[in-house]
């Protein structure tokens, strides 16, 4: 047994020594705030963390930045890359073809919707054809009632004693005041037919105003219910987007939520900013970084974080780097380096990691 363990340790040491003697290829994809390239420098929480690991283990490496998660993970799976790091969720499906380090970040999914205020929703409700026709119909009824009163009262009182062309607006104004006030404050009809019409208009106005107000209230309530998104249950029937092949895409597919898959995050956020999407489902820290730094006034997060998941460093199966990386991660947590990086990129030092 001792001979076996000694041989195993020797093999691991030799393999690791070979890895150290070579420049490692590290593949990543742009995912702020985890992995970015700014002024030709590799920055972000994950890239800074890997730089600390590499320095701790005495590793040299070069970074290859690709356009999609599929390309990144595919490079590791086929052996074109020694490892991949960004915001890579550790899943059972990926574990079948890759190996993962200990978790480097505890995350989950969240929903982002447009940061529109209530006033825009009100105008969206008011400026509908249905309500527009109702308002136009109400104006026509008021105009017709006012002109009919003019016809009955034009000889009985001075207010209506005008030619038809000149009496149109005063007659409409009289009918409008009657509906708004619910009765006669002045210019009470004097003729029998005028009083009969006035009584009919007063009684009708009570029902008319009540129905009209109820209609607007109902439309606004329905619109608010239909546009409200606060959880995954509210996404059915909405224009939802995420990146293709992501854990968010798999999560929604399993729950029969229809969505538009985008090749990369930039395409997804561009579609959201152009108003093509009602909601985006993606990694919570990525969306939080976007709304705070780039999407201020464009998007806001709703609901809590769901589908908790851990990010890890992806490596080829049976990679000799697994154990050294895990030991380095533990060391960086113990000496406070990990906490410092968390504070630098997220402003917190306790995020459940």
Protein backbone atom coordinates (compact mmCIF):
# COMPACT_ATOMS: atom_id res chain seq x y z
CA UNK A 1 0.00 0.00 0.00
CA UNK A 2 2.80 2.42 0.89
CA UNK A 3 4.53 1.62 -2.37
CA UNK A 4 1.30 2.31 -4.27
CA UNK A 5 0.75 5.66 -2.55
CA UNK A 6 4.36 6.67 -3.16
CA UNK A 7 4.05 5.82 -6.85
CA UNK A 8 0.81 7.75 -7.10
CA UNK A 9 2.27 10.84 -5.45
CA UNK A 10 5.33 10.62 -7.68
CA UNK A 11 3.12 10.46 -10.78
CA UNK A 12 1.10 13.45 -9.65
CA UNK A 13 4.25 15.42 -8.85
CA UNK A 14 5.78 14.64 -12.22
CA UNK A 15 2.57 15.52 -14.03
CA UNK A 16 2.23 18.77 -12.12
CA UNK A 17 5.87 19.59 -12.71
CA UNK A 18 5.31 19.15 -16.44
CA UNK A 19 2.33 21.53 -16.25
CA UNK A 20 4.43 24.09 -14.43
CA UNK A 21 7.14 23.90 -17.07
CA UNK A 22 4.63 24.84 -19.78
CA UNK A 23 2.60 28.00 -20.39
CA UNK A 24 -0.96 27.04 -19.49
CA UNK A 25 -3.76 28.09 -21.83
CA UNK A 26 -6.60 29.67 -19.88
CA UNK A 27 -9.80 30.17 -21.82
CA UNK A 28 -12.42 32.69 -20.75
CA UNK A 29 -15.39 34.67 -22.02
CA UNK A 30 -16.38 38.24 -21.25
CA UNK A 31 -18.74 38.27 -18.28
CA UNK A 32 -18.59 41.44 -16.20
CA UNK A 33 -17.66 41.60 -13.37
CA UNK A 34 -16.03 38.16 -13.49
CA UNK A 35 -13.98 38.34 -16.65
CA UNK A 36 -13.21 41.39 -18.77
CA UNK A 37 -10.45 42.83 -20.89
CA UNK A 38 -9.77 46.50 -20.19
CA UNK A 39 -6.79 48.32 -21.68
CA UNK A 40 -5.35 44.96 -22.79
CA UNK A 41 -5.44 43.72 -19.19
CA UNK A 42 -7.35 40.67 -17.97
CA UNK A 43 -9.48 41.89 -15.08
CA UNK A 44 -12.53 40.84 -13.11
CA UNK A 45 -13.16 38.78 -10.00
CA UNK A 46 -12.44 35.43 -11.66
CA UNK A 47 -9.37 36.68 -13.54
CA UNK A 48 -7.94 38.30 -10.41
CA UNK A 49 -8.60 35.11 -8.46
CA UNK A 50 -6.85 32.99 -11.10
CA UNK A 51 -3.87 35.38 -11.11
CA UNK A 52 -3.54 34.81 -7.34
CA UNK A 53 -3.79 31.03 -7.78
CA UNK A 54 -1.19 31.02 -10.56
CA UNK A 55 1.18 33.17 -8.50
CA UNK A 56 0.68 30.92 -5.50
CA UNK A 57 1.48 27.80 -7.55
CA UNK A 58 4.22 29.38 -9.67
CA UNK A 59 2.32 28.84 -12.92
CA UNK A 60 2.76 30.81 -16.14
CA UNK A 61 -0.19 31.13 -18.47
CA UNK A 62 -1.70 32.89 -21.45
CA UNK A 63 -5.35 33.89 -21.77
CA UNK A 64 -7.51 33.09 -24.76
CA UNK A 65 -10.78 35.03 -24.81
CA UNK A 66 -13.59 33.50 -26.87
CA UNK A 67 -17.06 34.71 -27.85
CA UNK A 68 -19.33 32.13 -26.22
CA UNK A 69 -19.63 29.77 -23.29
CA UNK A 70 -19.89 26.84 -25.70
CA UNK A 71 -16.55 27.70 -27.30
CA UNK A 72 -14.94 28.14 -23.88
CA UNK A 73 -16.10 24.83 -22.42
CA UNK A 74 -15.53 23.04 -25.72
CA UNK A 75 -11.88 24.11 -25.73
CA UNK A 76 -11.38 22.51 -22.31
CA UNK A 77 -13.29 19.35 -23.18
CA UNK A 78 -11.24 18.76 -26.34
CA UNK A 79 -7.95 19.51 -24.59
CA UNK A 80 -7.23 22.70 -26.54
CA UNK A 81 -7.20 24.58 -23.24
CA UNK A 82 -5.84 23.62 -19.83
CA UNK A 83 -8.68 25.26 -17.95
CA UNK A 84 -11.53 27.76 -18.24
CA UNK A 85 -12.62 30.40 -15.76
CA UNK A 86 -15.36 33.04 -15.74
CA UNK A 87 -18.79 32.54 -14.16
CA UNK A 88 -19.00 28.83 -14.98
CA UNK A 89 -21.81 27.06 -13.13
CA UNK A 90 -21.02 23.61 -11.80
CA UNK A 91 -23.74 21.31 -13.13
CA UNK A 92 -24.19 17.56 -13.32
CA UNK A 93 -24.25 17.65 -17.13
CA UNK A 94 -20.96 19.53 -17.31
CA UNK A 95 -19.44 17.30 -14.65
CA UNK A 96 -19.88 14.34 -16.99
CA UNK A 97 -17.34 15.72 -19.47
CA UNK A 98 -15.29 18.11 -17.32
CA UNK A 99 -13.77 18.32 -13.88
CA UNK A 100 -14.34 21.29 -11.59
CA UNK A 101 -12.41 22.90 -8.81
CA UNK A 102 -13.92 23.71 -5.46
CA UNK A 103 -16.57 26.45 -5.80
CA UNK A 104 -15.15 29.93 -6.27
CA UNK A 105 -18.45 31.85 -6.02
CA UNK A 106 -21.99 31.14 -4.80
CA UNK A 107 -24.56 32.52 -7.20
CA UNK A 108 -28.00 31.90 -8.70
CA UNK A 109 -30.43 33.19 -11.31
CA UNK A 110 -32.49 36.36 -11.20
CA UNK A 111 -34.94 38.25 -13.41
CA UNK A 112 -34.35 41.70 -14.88
CA UNK A 113 -37.18 43.78 -16.35
CA UNK A 114 -37.24 47.27 -17.92
CA UNK A 115 -36.93 50.05 -15.36
CA UNK A 116 -40.14 51.76 -16.45
CA UNK A 117 -42.09 53.80 -13.92
CA UNK A 118 -45.81 53.73 -13.17
CA UNK A 119 -46.52 56.83 -15.25
CA UNK A 120 -45.44 55.12 -18.44
CA UNK A 121 -47.84 52.29 -17.63
CA UNK A 122 -50.68 54.79 -17.18
CA UNK A 123 -50.01 56.46 -20.51
CA UNK A 124 -49.71 53.05 -22.16
CA UNK A 125 -53.19 52.24 -20.83
CA UNK A 126 -54.74 55.56 -21.80
CA UNK A 127 -53.30 55.64 -25.31
CA UNK A 128 -55.19 52.58 -26.54
CA UNK A 129 -57.63 52.51 -29.49
CA UNK A 130 -60.42 51.12 -27.31
CA UNK A 131 -60.23 53.93 -24.77
CA UNK A 132 -59.69 56.48 -27.53
CA UNK A 133 -62.94 55.48 -29.24
CA UNK A 134 -64.76 55.58 -25.88
CA UNK A 135 -63.56 59.16 -25.23
CA UNK A 136 -64.48 60.22 -28.76
CA UNK A 137 -67.93 58.68 -28.33
CA UNK A 138 -68.39 60.55 -25.03
CA UNK A 139 -67.52 63.88 -26.69
CA UNK A 140 -69.99 63.21 -29.49
CA UNK A 141 -72.77 62.40 -27.02
CA UNK A 142 -72.05 65.58 -25.05
CA UNK A 143 -71.99 67.63 -28.23
CA UNK A 144 -75.28 66.12 -29.42
CA UNK A 145 -76.94 66.70 -26.03
CA UNK A 146 -75.72 70.29 -25.91
CA UNK A 147 -76.94 71.07 -29.43
CA UNK A 148 -80.32 69.49 -28.69
CA UNK A 149 -80.62 71.70 -25.59
CA UNK A 150 -79.69 74.70 -27.77
CA UNK A 151 -82.51 73.79 -30.14
CA UNK A 152 -85.02 73.72 -27.26
CA UNK A 153 -83.70 76.74 -25.34
CA UNK A 154 -82.44 79.11 -28.06
CA UNK A 155 -85.53 81.33 -27.72
CA UNK A 156 -85.90 80.97 -23.94
CA UNK A 157 -82.57 82.24 -22.56
CA UNK A 158 -79.76 84.48 -23.68
CA UNK A 159 -76.97 81.86 -23.30
CA UNK A 160 -78.41 79.72 -26.12
CA UNK A 161 -79.71 82.63 -28.23
CA UNK A 162 -77.07 82.29 -30.97
CA UNK A 163 -76.89 80.98 -34.50
CA UNK A 164 -76.08 77.27 -34.75
CA UNK A 165 -72.47 77.80 -35.79
CA UNK A 166 -71.75 80.10 -32.86
CA UNK A 167 -73.66 77.96 -30.37
CA UNK A 168 -71.70 74.70 -30.87
CA UNK A 169 -69.01 75.31 -28.28
CA UNK A 170 -71.27 76.99 -25.65
CA UNK A 171 -73.74 74.12 -26.01
CA UNK A 172 -70.99 71.50 -25.64
CA UNK A 173 -69.56 73.38 -22.66
CA UNK A 174 -72.99 73.43 -21.00
CA UNK A 175 -73.38 69.67 -21.44
CA UNK A 176 -69.86 69.03 -20.16
CA UNK A 177 -70.48 71.10 -17.01
CA UNK A 178 -73.72 69.24 -16.43
CA UNK A 179 -71.92 65.87 -16.51
CA UNK A 180 -68.99 67.06 -14.38
CA UNK A 181 -71.15 68.77 -11.73
CA UNK A 182 -73.95 66.21 -11.83
CA UNK A 183 -76.64 68.87 -12.09
CA UNK A 184 -77.48 72.50 -12.89
CA UNK A 185 -75.58 75.23 -11.13
CA UNK A 186 -76.75 77.86 -13.60
CA UNK A 187 -78.61 78.13 -16.90
CA UNK A 188 -81.45 75.87 -15.76
CA UNK A 189 -83.62 74.85 -18.74
CA UNK A 190 -86.79 76.95 -19.04
CA UNK A 191 -88.81 75.16 -21.66
CA UNK A 192 -90.73 71.95 -20.99
CA UNK A 193 -88.74 69.96 -23.55
CA UNK A 194 -85.51 71.51 -22.25
CA UNK A 195 -86.31 70.50 -18.66
CA UNK A 196 -87.23 66.97 -19.79
CA UNK A 197 -83.95 66.69 -21.70
CA UNK A 198 -82.02 68.19 -18.78
CA UNK A 199 -83.50 65.66 -16.35
CA UNK A 200 -82.62 62.82 -18.72
CA UNK A 201 -79.05 64.11 -19.08
CA UNK A 202 -78.57 64.47 -15.30
CA UNK A 203 -79.75 60.92 -14.60
CA UNK A 204 -77.79 59.51 -17.54
CA UNK A 205 -74.63 61.34 -16.49
CA UNK A 206 -74.60 59.51 -13.16
CA UNK A 207 -74.45 56.16 -14.95
CA UNK A 208 -72.20 57.47 -17.70
CA UNK A 209 -69.52 58.81 -15.35
CA UNK A 210 -69.63 55.69 -13.17
CA UNK A 211 -69.26 53.35 -16.16
CA UNK A 212 -66.52 55.48 -17.72
CA UNK A 213 -64.45 55.62 -14.52
CA UNK A 214 -64.95 51.89 -13.94
CA UNK A 215 -63.78 51.18 -17.50
CA UNK A 216 -60.56 53.13 -17.08
CA UNK A 217 -59.91 51.55 -13.67
CA UNK A 218 -60.46 48.07 -15.06
CA UNK A 219 -58.13 48.65 -18.01
CA UNK A 220 -55.39 49.99 -15.75
CA UNK A 221 -55.78 47.09 -13.32
CA UNK A 222 -55.63 44.50 -16.10
CA UNK A 223 -52.61 46.22 -17.64
CA UNK A 224 -50.82 46.26 -14.29
CA UNK A 225 -51.53 42.57 -13.74
CA UNK A 226 -50.43 41.63 -17.23
CA UNK A 227 -47.20 43.66 -17.09
CA UNK A 228 -46.24 42.62 -13.56
CA UNK A 229 -43.27 40.26 -13.39
CA UNK A 230 -41.90 39.24 -10.02
CA UNK A 231 -41.10 35.54 -10.33
CA UNK A 232 -40.53 32.75 -12.83
CA UNK A 233 -44.29 32.02 -12.79
CA UNK A 234 -44.98 35.42 -14.35
CA UNK A 235 -42.83 34.79 -17.42
CA UNK A 236 -45.34 32.68 -19.35
CA UNK A 237 -46.56 34.63 -22.36
CA UNK A 238 -43.84 37.27 -21.99
CA UNK A 239 -40.90 38.01 -24.28
CA UNK A 240 -38.08 36.43 -22.29
CA UNK A 241 -34.41 36.22 -23.22
CA UNK A 242 -31.25 34.53 -22.01
CA UNK A 243 -28.11 33.04 -23.55
CA UNK A 244 -28.33 29.73 -25.40
CA UNK A 245 -27.04 26.69 -23.55
CA UNK A 246 -26.89 28.46 -20.18
CA UNK A 247 -28.24 27.13 -16.91
CA UNK A 248 -31.00 29.74 -17.22
CA UNK A 249 -31.96 28.33 -20.63
CA UNK A 250 -32.07 24.79 -19.24
CA UNK A 251 -34.08 25.94 -16.22
CA UNK A 252 -36.74 27.62 -18.36
CA UNK A 253 -36.88 24.75 -20.83
CA UNK A 254 -37.66 22.34 -18.00
CA UNK A 255 -40.53 24.61 -16.91
CA UNK A 256 -41.91 25.16 -20.43
CA UNK A 257 -41.14 28.90 -20.38
CA UNK A 258 -40.64 30.09 -23.94
CA UNK A 259 -37.59 32.29 -24.45
CA UNK A 260 -35.27 33.70 -27.08
CA UNK A 261 -31.75 32.31 -26.88
CA UNK A 262 -28.87 34.65 -27.71
CA UNK A 263 -25.36 33.66 -28.73
CA UNK A 264 -23.71 35.90 -26.17
CA UNK A 265 -24.41 38.34 -23.36
CA UNK A 266 -23.81 41.46 -25.46
CA UNK A 267 -26.48 40.38 -27.94
CA UNK A 268 -28.89 39.63 -25.09
CA UNK A 269 -28.42 43.02 -23.41
CA UNK A 270 -28.65 44.87 -26.73
CA UNK A 271 -31.99 43.20 -27.45
CA UNK A 272 -33.18 44.15 -23.95
CA UNK A 273 -32.13 47.78 -24.36
CA UNK A 274 -33.91 47.99 -27.72
CA UNK A 275 -37.19 46.97 -26.05
CA UNK A 276 -37.41 43.56 -27.72
CA UNK A 277 -37.63 41.71 -24.39
CA UNK A 278 -39.97 41.98 -21.41
CA UNK A 279 -37.54 40.15 -19.13
CA UNK A 280 -34.04 38.71 -18.98
CA UNK A 281 -33.20 35.64 -16.91
CA UNK A 282 -29.51 35.30 -16.17
CA UNK A 283 -26.87 35.04 -13.45
CA UNK A 284 -27.77 37.35 -10.57
CA UNK A 285 -24.33 38.96 -10.02
CA UNK A 286 -23.91 39.66 -13.74
CA UNK A 287 -27.32 41.36 -13.95
CA UNK A 288 -26.65 43.27 -10.72
CA UNK A 289 -23.36 44.57 -12.12
CA UNK A 290 -25.09 45.59 -15.36
CA UNK A 291 -27.95 47.49 -13.70
CA UNK A 292 -25.54 49.29 -11.39
CA UNK A 293 -22.76 50.19 -13.83
CA UNK A 294 -24.11 50.12 -17.37
CA UNK A 295 -27.86 49.66 -17.34
CA UNK A 296 -28.80 52.34 -14.81
CA UNK A 297 -32.29 53.54 -15.71
CA UNK A 298 -32.67 50.72 -18.24
CA UNK A 299 -33.27 47.67 -16.12
CA UNK A 300 -34.09 46.64 -12.58
CA UNK A 301 -33.96 43.33 -10.75
CA UNK A 302 -37.16 41.79 -9.40
CA UNK A 303 -37.80 38.87 -7.08
CA UNK A 304 -35.13 36.98 -5.25
CA UNK A 305 -32.29 34.79 -6.44
CA UNK A 306 -33.49 31.32 -7.46
CA UNK A 307 -31.77 28.12 -8.58
CA UNK A 308 -28.72 28.56 -6.34
CA UNK A 309 -25.56 27.46 -8.13
CA UNK A 310 -21.82 27.53 -7.61
CA UNK A 311 -19.19 28.75 -10.04
CA UNK A 312 -16.00 26.78 -10.46
CA UNK A 313 -12.87 26.47 -12.58
CA UNK A 314 -13.42 23.96 -15.39
CA UNK A 315 -10.62 21.56 -16.31
CA UNK A 316 -10.26 18.46 -18.48
CA UNK A 317 -11.14 15.23 -16.73
CA UNK A 318 -8.33 13.79 -14.61
CA UNK A 319 -6.33 17.01 -14.90
CA UNK A 320 -3.29 17.02 -12.57
CA UNK A 321 -4.07 20.68 -11.80
CA UNK A 322 -7.25 19.91 -9.84
CA UNK A 323 -5.69 19.18 -6.46
CA UNK A 324 -3.09 22.00 -6.51
CA UNK A 325 -5.78 24.52 -7.52
CA UNK A 326 -8.09 23.34 -4.73
CA UNK A 327 -5.32 23.60 -2.17
CA UNK A 328 -4.51 27.10 -3.39
CA UNK A 329 -8.16 28.14 -3.17
CA UNK A 330 -8.27 27.00 0.46
CA UNK A 331 -5.09 28.92 1.20
CA UNK A 332 -6.44 32.12 -0.41
CA UNK A 333 -9.56 31.87 1.71
CA UNK A 334 -7.56 31.35 4.87
CA UNK A 335 -5.11 34.22 4.34
CA UNK A 336 -7.84 36.76 3.46
CA UNK A 337 -6.98 37.18 -0.23
CA UNK A 338 -10.34 35.79 -1.33
CA UNK A 339 -12.22 38.15 0.98
CA UNK A 340 -10.24 41.10 -0.38
CA UNK A 341 -11.20 40.24 -3.97
CA UNK A 342 -14.86 39.88 -2.98
CA UNK A 343 -14.76 43.32 -1.39
CA UNK A 344 -13.03 44.80 -4.45
CA UNK A 345 -15.56 43.56 -7.00
CA UNK A 346 -18.80 43.28 -5.04
CA UNK A 347 -18.36 45.69 -2.15
CA UNK A 348 -19.11 42.90 0.30
CA UNK A 349 -17.05 40.35 2.11
CA UNK A 350 -19.82 37.94 3.06
CA UNK A 351 -21.86 36.67 0.13
CA UNK A 352 -22.31 33.13 1.28
CA UNK A 353 -19.00 31.99 -0.17
